[in-house]
Structure formats: C-alpha cells, structure tokens
Amino acid sequence: MNNIIIYTGYLCGYCNRAKNLLTEKKLDFQEINIHEQPEKMKEMIKLSGGKRSVPQIFFGDIHIGGSDDLYNMNIEGKLDKLISDMKK
C-alpha cells in the first residue's frame, strides 16, 4: 500500500480522532508533528494546496484533507474503496 502520511500538532483532538480511525482500519501511517518538526510545515502547506490546519492526511499522492474529510469518506464508504484500490 502507498504511504499514508498525517501531519499533526500538539493537543489536537482532530489529529487524535483521525489517527484513531486509521488505527481502527489497521492502516500503517507516518505521523509528522509540525510542532516537533516546524520545517515540515512548509511542506504540508505546499502539498495540501495552502491548508495550514492540522491534521492534513495523505494517502500516497492523494490529499484527503482533515479529520472531518476522512470521517466523511468513511461514512460514505469511499475510504474502504480507496484502501482497497491502493492495495491492488
């Protein structure tokens, strides 16, 4: 499966919520905390098309968005389809 990256920050409930869903789906992901690695913030902003809020979630080169976007995909069944497509 392509690499899943989630950009996070300190004391971020939305970040924890998104990480919990990824963990429930038994997905491995790389977490980049922009407070621990501030140099990564520019990278996150560029990859997300200018978004500065955390989390920002990427499945390979696909920008999912934030926690609400991830949960909406899950509710709509689109997350499982994306996971399945990425495993092919």
PDB file of N, CA and C in Angstrom:
ATOM      1  N   MET A   1       0.851  -1.181   0.000  1.00  0.00           N
ATOM      2  CA  MET A   1       0.000   0.000   0.000  1.00  0.00           C
ATOM      3  C   MET A   1       0.890   1.236   0.000  1.00  0.00           C
ATOM      4  N   ASN A   2       0.429   2.253  -0.701  1.00  0.00           N
ATOM      5  CA  ASN A   2       1.172   3.507  -0.717  1.00  0.00           C
ATOM      6  C   ASN A   2       1.258   4.086   0.683  1.00  0.00           C
ATOM      7  N   ASN A   3       2.202   4.917   0.881  1.00  0.00           N
ATOM      8  CA  ASN A   3       2.456   5.515   2.181  1.00  0.00           C
ATOM      9  C   ASN A   3       1.336   6.454   2.602  1.00  0.00           C
ATOM     10  N   ILE A   4       0.890   6.320   3.838  1.00  0.00           N
ATOM     11  CA  ILE A   4      -0.098   7.225   4.413  1.00  0.00           C
ATOM     12  C   ILE A   4       0.641   8.159   5.357  1.00  0.00           C
ATOM     13  N   ILE A   5       0.456   9.457   5.154  1.00  0.00           N
ATOM     14  CA  ILE A   5       1.109  10.462   5.994  1.00  0.00           C
ATOM     15  C   ILE A   5       0.037  11.340   6.617  1.00  0.00           C
ATOM     16  N   ILE A   6       0.188  11.597   7.908  1.00  0.00           N
ATOM     17  CA  ILE A   6      -0.714  12.511   8.588  1.00  0.00           C
ATOM     18  C   ILE A   6       0.133  13.564   9.299  1.00  0.00           C
ATOM     19  N   TYR A   7      -0.082  14.810   8.929  1.00  0.00           N
ATOM     20  CA  TYR A   7       0.578  15.935   9.590  1.00  0.00           C
ATOM     21  C   TYR A   7      -0.275  16.305  10.796  1.00  0.00           C
ATOM     22  N   THR A   8       0.353  16.395  11.960  1.00  0.00           N
ATOM     23  CA  THR A   8      -0.371  16.648  13.205  1.00  0.00           C
ATOM     24  C   THR A   8       0.276  17.786  13.982  1.00  0.00           C
ATOM     25  N   GLY A   9      -0.338  18.109  15.113  1.00  0.00           N
ATOM     26  CA  GLY A   9       0.198  19.106  16.029  1.00  0.00           C
ATOM     27  C   GLY A   9      -0.110  18.701  17.461  1.00  0.00           C
ATOM     28  N   TYR A  10       0.436  19.432  18.392  1.00  0.00           N
ATOM     29  CA  TYR A  10       0.205  19.165  19.811  1.00  0.00           C
ATOM     30  C   TYR A  10      -1.235  19.479  20.204  1.00  0.00           C
ATOM     31  N   LEU A  11      -1.738  18.730  21.164  1.00  0.00           N
ATOM     32  CA  LEU A  11      -3.062  18.961  21.756  1.00  0.00           C
ATOM     33  C   LEU A  11      -4.147  19.109  20.701  1.00  0.00           C
ATOM     34  N   CYS A  12      -4.117  18.251  19.720  1.00  0.00           N
ATOM     35  CA  CYS A  12      -5.042  18.330  18.595  1.00  0.00           C
ATOM     36  C   CYS A  12      -6.014  17.157  18.656  1.00  0.00           C
ATOM     37  N   GLY A  13      -7.217  17.431  19.118  1.00  0.00           N
ATOM     38  CA  GLY A  13      -8.235  16.395  19.198  1.00  0.00           C
ATOM     39  C   GLY A  13      -8.601  15.825  17.839  1.00  0.00           C
ATOM     40  N   TYR A  14      -8.633  16.690  16.822  1.00  0.00           N
ATOM     41  CA  TYR A  14      -8.941  16.219  15.470  1.00  0.00           C
ATOM     42  C   TYR A  14      -7.854  15.286  14.948  1.00  0.00           C
ATOM     43  N   CYS A  15      -6.613  15.578  15.307  1.00  0.00           N
ATOM     44  CA  CYS A  15      -5.498  14.710  14.912  1.00  0.00           C
ATOM     45  C   CYS A  15      -5.654  13.334  15.560  1.00  0.00           C
ATOM     46  N   ASN A  16      -5.963  13.330  16.846  1.00  0.00           N
ATOM     47  CA  ASN A  16      -6.148  12.059  17.559  1.00  0.00           C
ATOM     48  C   ASN A  16      -7.316  11.273  16.972  1.00  0.00           C
ATOM     49  N   ARG A  17      -8.382  11.972  16.647  1.00  0.00           N
ATOM     50  CA  ARG A  17      -9.561  11.330  16.064  1.00  0.00           C
ATOM     51  C   ARG A  17      -9.198  10.665  14.735  1.00  0.00           C
ATOM     52  N   ALA A  18      -8.468  11.370  13.892  1.00  0.00           N
ATOM     53  CA  ALA A  18      -8.070  10.821  12.596  1.00  0.00           C
ATOM     54  C   ALA A  18      -7.125   9.635  12.770  1.00  0.00           C
ATOM     55  N   LYS A  19      -6.161   9.760  13.665  1.00  0.00           N
ATOM     56  CA  LYS A  19      -5.225   8.654  13.913  1.00  0.00           C
ATOM     57  C   LYS A  19      -5.968   7.432  14.448  1.00  0.00           C
ATOM     58  N   ASN A  20      -6.975   7.657  15.290  1.00  0.00           N
ATOM     59  CA  ASN A  20      -7.755   6.536  15.826  1.00  0.00           C
ATOM     60  C   ASN A  20      -8.486   5.794  14.715  1.00  0.00           C
ATOM     61  N   LEU A  21      -9.061   6.534  13.762  1.00  0.00           N
ATOM     62  CA  LEU A  21      -9.756   5.880  12.652  1.00  0.00           C
ATOM     63  C   LEU A  21      -8.778   5.089  11.793  1.00  0.00           C
ATOM     64  N   LEU A  22      -7.622   5.669  11.506  1.00  0.00           N
ATOM     65  CA  LEU A  22      -6.621   4.943  10.722  1.00  0.00           C
ATOM     66  C   LEU A  22      -6.184   3.678  11.446  1.00  0.00           C
ATOM     67  N   THR A  23      -6.027   3.766  12.760  1.00  0.00           N
ATOM     68  CA  THR A  23      -5.638   2.603  13.556  1.00  0.00           C
ATOM     69  C   THR A  23      -6.751   1.552  13.559  1.00  0.00           C
ATOM     70  N   GLU A  24      -8.011   1.995  13.695  1.00  0.00           N
ATOM     71  CA  GLU A  24      -9.149   1.067  13.641  1.00  0.00           C
ATOM     72  C   GLU A  24      -9.187   0.317  12.311  1.00  0.00           C
ATOM     73  N   LYS A  25      -8.804   0.981  11.237  1.00  0.00           N
ATOM     74  CA  LYS A  25      -8.773   0.380   9.904  1.00  0.00           C
ATOM     75  C   LYS A  25      -7.516  -0.470   9.703  1.00  0.00           C
ATOM     76  N   LYS A  26      -6.684  -0.545  10.760  1.00  0.00           N
ATOM     77  CA  LYS A  26      -5.438  -1.321  10.729  1.00  0.00           C
ATOM     78  C   LYS A  26      -4.489  -0.844   9.623  1.00  0.00           C
ATOM     79  N   LEU A  27      -4.408   0.478   9.493  1.00  0.00           N
ATOM     80  CA  LEU A  27      -3.534   1.080   8.495  1.00  0.00           C
ATOM     81  C   LEU A  27      -2.278   1.619   9.158  1.00  0.00           C
ATOM     82  N   ASP A  28      -1.151   1.346   8.545  1.00  0.00           N
ATOM     83  CA  ASP A  28       0.105   1.933   8.999  1.00  0.00           C
ATOM     84  C   ASP A  28       0.194   3.337   8.425  1.00  0.00           C
ATOM     85  N   PHE A  29       0.677   4.256   9.232  1.00  0.00           N
ATOM     86  CA  PHE A  29       0.821   5.626   8.760  1.00  0.00           C
ATOM     87  C   PHE A  29       2.043   6.262   9.400  1.00  0.00           C
ATOM     88  N   GLN A  30       2.546   7.263   8.706  1.00  0.00           N
ATOM     89  CA  GLN A  30       3.667   8.054   9.221  1.00  0.00           C
ATOM     90  C   GLN A  30       3.084   9.352   9.767  1.00  0.00           C
ATOM     91  N   GLU A  31       3.398   9.655  11.016  1.00  0.00           N
ATOM     92  CA  GLU A  31       2.940  10.894  11.623  1.00  0.00           C
ATOM     93  C   GLU A  31       4.065  11.913  11.607  1.00  0.00           C
ATOM     94  N   ILE A  32       3.764  13.104  11.136  1.00  0.00           N
ATOM     95  CA  ILE A  32       4.719  14.208  11.158  1.00  0.00           C
ATOM     96  C   ILE A  32       4.092  15.312  11.987  1.00  0.00           C
ATOM     97  N   ASN A  33       4.650  15.547  13.165  1.00  0.00           N
ATOM     98  CA  ASN A  33       4.152  16.591  14.051  1.00  0.00           C
ATOM     99  C   ASN A  33       4.867  17.894  13.684  1.00  0.00           C
ATOM    100  N   ILE A  34       4.095  18.866  13.207  1.00  0.00           N
ATOM    101  CA  ILE A  34       4.709  20.113  12.732  1.00  0.00           C
ATOM    102  C   ILE A  34       5.221  20.988  13.874  1.00  0.00           C
ATOM    103  N   HIS A  35       4.840  20.680  15.105  1.00  0.00           N
ATOM    104  CA  HIS A  35       5.407  21.416  16.237  1.00  0.00           C
ATOM    105  C   HIS A  35       6.776  20.852  16.620  1.00  0.00           C
ATOM    106  N   GLU A  36       6.948  19.540  16.442  1.00  0.00           N
ATOM    107  CA  GLU A  36       8.253  18.925  16.692  1.00  0.00           C
ATOM    108  C   GLU A  36       9.198  19.129  15.514  1.00  0.00           C
ATOM    109  N   GLN A  37       8.633  19.235  14.320  1.00  0.00           N
ATOM    110  CA  GLN A  37       9.416  19.411  13.099  1.00  0.00           C
ATOM    111  C   GLN A  37       8.856  20.614  12.324  1.00  0.00           C
ATOM    112  N   PRO A  38       9.093  21.825  12.830  1.00  0.00           N
ATOM    113  CA  PRO A  38       8.490  23.013  12.204  1.00  0.00           C
ATOM    114  C   PRO A  38       8.879  23.214  10.742  1.00  0.00           C
ATOM    115  N   GLU A  39      10.010  22.676  10.334  1.00  0.00           N
ATOM    116  CA  GLU A  39      10.430  22.802   8.937  1.00  0.00           C
ATOM    117  C   GLU A  39       9.485  22.042   7.998  1.00  0.00           C
ATOM    118  N   LYS A  40       8.712  21.116   8.524  1.00  0.00           N
ATOM    119  CA  LYS A  40       7.772  20.324   7.721  1.00  0.00           C
ATOM    120  C   LYS A  40       6.468  21.073   7.444  1.00  0.00           C
ATOM    121  N   MET A  41       6.245  22.198   8.119  1.00  0.00           N
ATOM    122  CA  MET A  41       5.006  22.935   7.909  1.00  0.00           C
ATOM    123  C   MET A  41       4.914  23.466   6.481  1.00  0.00           C
ATOM    124  N   LYS A  42       6.007  23.984   5.953  1.00  0.00           N
ATOM    125  CA  LYS A  42       6.008  24.482   4.568  1.00  0.00           C
ATOM    126  C   LYS A  42       5.670  23.357   3.595  1.00  0.00           C
ATOM    127  N   GLU A  43       6.217  22.181   3.865  1.00  0.00           N
ATOM    128  CA  GLU A  43       5.936  21.011   3.034  1.00  0.00           C
ATOM    129  C   GLU A  43       4.437  20.679   3.076  1.00  0.00           C
ATOM    130  N   MET A  44       3.852  20.672   4.276  1.00  0.00           N
ATOM    131  CA  MET A  44       2.432  20.376   4.443  1.00  0.00           C
ATOM    132  C   MET A  44       1.575  21.388   3.693  1.00  0.00           C
ATOM    133  N   ILE A  45       1.906  22.658   3.839  1.00  0.00           N
ATOM    134  CA  ILE A  45       1.131  23.715   3.192  1.00  0.00           C
ATOM    135  C   ILE A  45       1.197  23.571   1.669  1.00  0.00           C
ATOM    136  N   LYS A  46       2.370  23.276   1.152  1.00  0.00           N
ATOM    137  CA  LYS A  46       2.533  23.114  -0.291  1.00  0.00           C
ATOM    138  C   LYS A  46       1.739  21.910  -0.796  1.00  0.00           C
ATOM    139  N   LEU A  47       1.877  20.773  -0.119  1.00  0.00           N
ATOM    140  CA  LEU A  47       1.202  19.551  -0.557  1.00  0.00           C
ATOM    141  C   LEU A  47      -0.316  19.639  -0.444  1.00  0.00           C
ATOM    142  N   SER A  48      -0.797  20.413   0.531  1.00  0.00           N
ATOM    143  CA  SER A  48      -2.240  20.497   0.780  1.00  0.00           C
ATOM    144  C   SER A  48      -2.909  21.623  -0.001  1.00  0.00           C
ATOM    145  N   GLY A  49      -2.152  22.322  -0.806  1.00  0.00           N
ATOM    146  CA  GLY A  49      -2.738  23.410  -1.579  1.00  0.00           C
ATOM    147  C   GLY A  49      -3.009  24.649  -0.745  1.00  0.00           C
ATOM    148  N   GLY A  50      -2.205  24.859   0.312  1.00  0.00           N
ATOM    149  CA  GLY A  50      -2.315  26.070   1.120  1.00  0.00           C
ATOM    150  C   GLY A  50      -2.975  25.899   2.472  1.00  0.00           C
ATOM    151  N   LYS A  51      -3.410  24.698   2.798  1.00  0.00           N
ATOM    152  CA  LYS A  51      -4.066  24.472   4.089  1.00  0.00           C
ATOM    153  C   LYS A  51      -3.034  24.497   5.215  1.00  0.00           C
ATOM    154  N   ARG A  52      -3.386  25.202   6.303  1.00  0.00           N
ATOM    155  CA  ARG A  52      -2.482  25.367   7.435  1.00  0.00           C
ATOM    156  C   ARG A  52      -2.944  24.616   8.675  1.00  0.00           C
ATOM    157  N   SER A  53      -4.175  24.109   8.648  1.00  0.00           N
ATOM    158  CA  SER A  53      -4.714  23.428   9.826  1.00  0.00           C
ATOM    159  C   SER A  53      -4.253  21.972   9.859  1.00  0.00           C
ATOM    160  N   VAL A  54      -4.226  21.420  11.052  1.00  0.00           N
ATOM    161  CA  VAL A  54      -3.907  20.007  11.217  1.00  0.00           C
ATOM    162  C   VAL A  54      -5.138  19.296  11.752  1.00  0.00           C
ATOM    163  N   PRO A  55      -5.295  18.041  11.420  1.00  0.00           N
ATOM    164  CA  PRO A  55      -4.403  17.233  10.594  1.00  0.00           C
ATOM    165  C   PRO A  55      -4.596  17.501   9.102  1.00  0.00           C
ATOM    166  N   GLN A  56      -3.574  17.167   8.355  1.00  0.00           N
ATOM    167  CA  GLN A  56      -3.655  17.063   6.903  1.00  0.00           C
ATOM    168  C   GLN A  56      -3.229  15.636   6.582  1.00  0.00           C
ATOM    169  N   ILE A  57      -4.088  14.934   5.858  1.00  0.00           N
ATOM    170  CA  ILE A  57      -3.913  13.499   5.652  1.00  0.00           C
ATOM    171  C   ILE A  57      -3.719  13.226   4.169  1.00  0.00           C
ATOM    172  N   PHE A  58      -2.738  12.374   3.882  1.00  0.00           N
ATOM    173  CA  PHE A  58      -2.410  11.998   2.517  1.00  0.00           C
ATOM    174  C   PHE A  58      -2.312  10.484   2.404  1.00  0.00           C
ATOM    175  N   PHE A  59      -2.949   9.944   1.382  1.00  0.00           N
ATOM    176  CA  PHE A  59      -2.784   8.536   1.022  1.00  0.00           C
ATOM    177  C   PHE A  59      -1.963   8.551  -0.256  1.00  0.00           C
ATOM    178  N   GLY A  60      -0.670   8.297  -0.124  1.00  0.00           N
ATOM    179  CA  GLY A  60       0.200   8.445  -1.280  1.00  0.00           C
ATOM    180  C   GLY A  60       0.167   9.889  -1.730  1.00  0.00           C
ATOM    181  N   ASP A  61      -0.137  10.115  -2.995  1.00  0.00           N
ATOM    182  CA  ASP A  61      -0.201  11.487  -3.501  1.00  0.00           C
ATOM    183  C   ASP A  61      -1.628  12.041  -3.488  1.00  0.00           C
ATOM    184  N   ILE A  62      -2.553  11.323  -2.849  1.00  0.00           N
ATOM    185  CA  ILE A  62      -3.939  11.775  -2.753  1.00  0.00           C
ATOM    186  C   ILE A  62      -4.135  12.543  -1.451  1.00  0.00           C
ATOM    187  N   HIS A  63      -4.524  13.801  -1.564  1.00  0.00           N
ATOM    188  CA  HIS A  63      -4.780  14.619  -0.381  1.00  0.00           C
ATOM    189  C   HIS A  63      -6.202  14.371   0.085  1.00  0.00           C
ATOM    190  N   ILE A  64      -6.345  13.793   1.266  1.00  0.00           N
ATOM    191  CA  ILE A  64      -7.661  13.504   1.835  1.00  0.00           C
ATOM    192  C   ILE A  64      -8.251  14.763   2.446  1.00  0.00           C
ATOM    193  N   GLY A  65      -7.431  15.522   3.143  1.00  0.00           N
ATOM    194  CA  GLY A  65      -7.879  16.712   3.852  1.00  0.00           C
ATOM    195  C   GLY A  65      -7.696  16.511   5.339  1.00  0.00           C
ATOM    196  N   GLY A  66      -8.674  16.969   6.109  1.00  0.00           N
ATOM    197  CA  GLY A  66      -8.591  16.878   7.557  1.00  0.00           C
ATOM    198  C   GLY A  66      -9.386  15.717   8.124  1.00  0.00           C
ATOM    199  N   SER A  67      -9.571  15.745   9.436  1.00  0.00           N
ATOM    200  CA  SER A  67     -10.264  14.681  10.150  1.00  0.00           C
ATOM    201  C   SER A  67     -11.705  14.525   9.667  1.00  0.00           C
ATOM    202  N   ASP A  68     -12.424  15.624   9.534  1.00  0.00           N
ATOM    203  CA  ASP A  68     -13.818  15.542   9.081  1.00  0.00           C
ATOM    204  C   ASP A  68     -13.903  14.940   7.680  1.00  0.00           C
ATOM    205  N   ASP A  69     -12.967  15.299   6.822  1.00  0.00           N
ATOM    206  CA  ASP A  69     -12.946  14.743   5.464  1.00  0.00           C
ATOM    207  C   ASP A  69     -12.730  13.235   5.503  1.00  0.00           C
ATOM    208  N   LEU A  70     -11.803  12.797   6.356  1.00  0.00           N
ATOM    209  CA  LEU A  70     -11.523  11.368   6.494  1.00  0.00           C
ATOM    210  C   LEU A  70     -12.762  10.630   7.000  1.00  0.00           C
ATOM    211  N   TYR A  71     -13.417  11.177   8.023  1.00  0.00           N
ATOM    212  CA  TYR A  71     -14.616  10.542   8.574  1.00  0.00           C
ATOM    213  C   TYR A  71     -15.763  10.532   7.576  1.00  0.00           C
ATOM    214  N   ASN A  72     -15.928  11.610   6.819  1.00  0.00           N
ATOM    215  CA  ASN A  72     -16.980  11.636   5.806  1.00  0.00           C
ATOM    216  C   ASN A  72     -16.737  10.579   4.729  1.00  0.00           C
ATOM    217  N   MET A  73     -15.483  10.421   4.332  1.00  0.00           N
ATOM    218  CA  MET A  73     -15.148   9.364   3.372  1.00  0.00           C
ATOM    219  C   MET A  73     -15.509   8.002   3.938  1.00  0.00           C
ATOM    220  N   ASN A  74     -15.241   7.813   5.227  1.00  0.00           N
ATOM    221  CA  ASN A  74     -15.540   6.530   5.865  1.00  0.00           C
ATOM    222  C   ASN A  74     -17.045   6.274   5.880  1.00  0.00           C
ATOM    223  N   ILE A  75     -17.814   7.270   6.264  1.00  0.00           N
ATOM    224  CA  ILE A  75     -19.271   7.138   6.328  1.00  0.00           C
ATOM    225  C   ILE A  75     -19.854   6.820   4.953  1.00  0.00           C
ATOM    226  N   GLU A  76     -19.307   7.441   3.921  1.00  0.00           N
ATOM    227  CA  GLU A  76     -19.803   7.262   2.554  1.00  0.00           C
ATOM    228  C   GLU A  76     -19.283   5.984   1.892  1.00  0.00           C
ATOM    229  N   GLY A  77     -18.401   5.253   2.581  1.00  0.00           N
ATOM    230  CA  GLY A  77     -17.831   4.031   2.021  1.00  0.00           C
ATOM    231  C   GLY A  77     -16.665   4.284   1.082  1.00  0.00           C
ATOM    232  N   LYS A  78     -16.299   5.533   0.896  1.00  0.00           N
ATOM    233  CA  LYS A  78     -15.219   5.870  -0.031  1.00  0.00           C
ATOM    234  C   LYS A  78     -13.842   5.529   0.535  1.00  0.00           C
ATOM    235  N   LEU A  79     -13.707   5.540   1.851  1.00  0.00           N
ATOM    236  CA  LEU A  79     -12.408   5.240   2.455  1.00  0.00           C
ATOM    237  C   LEU A  79     -12.045   3.780   2.220  1.00  0.00           C
ATOM    238  N   ASP A  80     -12.980   2.865   2.460  1.00  0.00           N
ATOM    239  CA  ASP A  80     -12.702   1.447   2.233  1.00  0.00           C
ATOM    240  C   ASP A  80     -12.382   1.177   0.766  1.00  0.00           C
ATOM    241  N   LYS A  81     -13.077   1.870  -0.142  1.00  0.00           N
ATOM    242  CA  LYS A  81     -12.783   1.698  -1.561  1.00  0.00           C
ATOM    243  C   LYS A  81     -11.380   2.187  -1.887  1.00  0.00           C
ATOM    244  N   LEU A  82     -10.998   3.339  -1.339  1.00  0.00           N
ATOM    245  CA  LEU A  82      -9.653   3.866  -1.569  1.00  0.00           C
ATOM    246  C   LEU A  82      -8.600   2.902  -1.032  1.00  0.00           C
ATOM    247  N   ILE A  83      -8.834   2.383   0.156  1.00  0.00           N
ATOM    248  CA  ILE A  83      -7.894   1.423   0.757  1.00  0.00           C
ATOM    249  C   ILE A  83      -7.763   0.191  -0.137  1.00  0.00           C
ATOM    250  N   SER A  84      -8.898  -0.313  -0.588  1.00  0.00           N
ATOM    251  CA  SER A  84      -8.897  -1.487  -1.467  1.00  0.00           C
ATOM    252  C   SER A  84      -8.155  -1.208  -2.771  1.00  0.00           C
ATOM    253  N   ASP A  85      -8.418  -0.056  -3.376  1.00  0.00           N
ATOM    254  CA  ASP A  85      -7.750   0.319  -4.626  1.00  0.00           C
ATOM    255  C   ASP A  85      -6.251   0.464  -4.439  1.00  0.00           C
ATOM    256  N   MET A  86      -5.838   0.978  -3.282  1.00  0.00           N
ATOM    257  CA  MET A  86      -4.409   1.196  -3.040  1.00  0.00           C
ATOM    258  C   MET A  86      -3.676  -0.121  -2.795  1.00  0.00           C
ATOM    259  N   LYS A  87      -4.386  -1.153  -2.372  1.00  0.00           N
ATOM    260  CA  LYS A  87      -3.751  -2.452  -2.117  1.00  0.00           C
ATOM    261  C   LYS A  87      -3.513  -3.235  -3.403  1.00  0.00           C
ATOM    262  N   LYS A  88      -4.179  -2.813  -4.477  1.00  0.00           N
ATOM    263  CA  LYS A  88      -4.052  -3.540  -5.763  1.00  0.00           C
ATOM    264  C   LYS A  88      -2.709  -3.296  -6.393  1.00  0.00           C
TER     265      LYS A  88
END
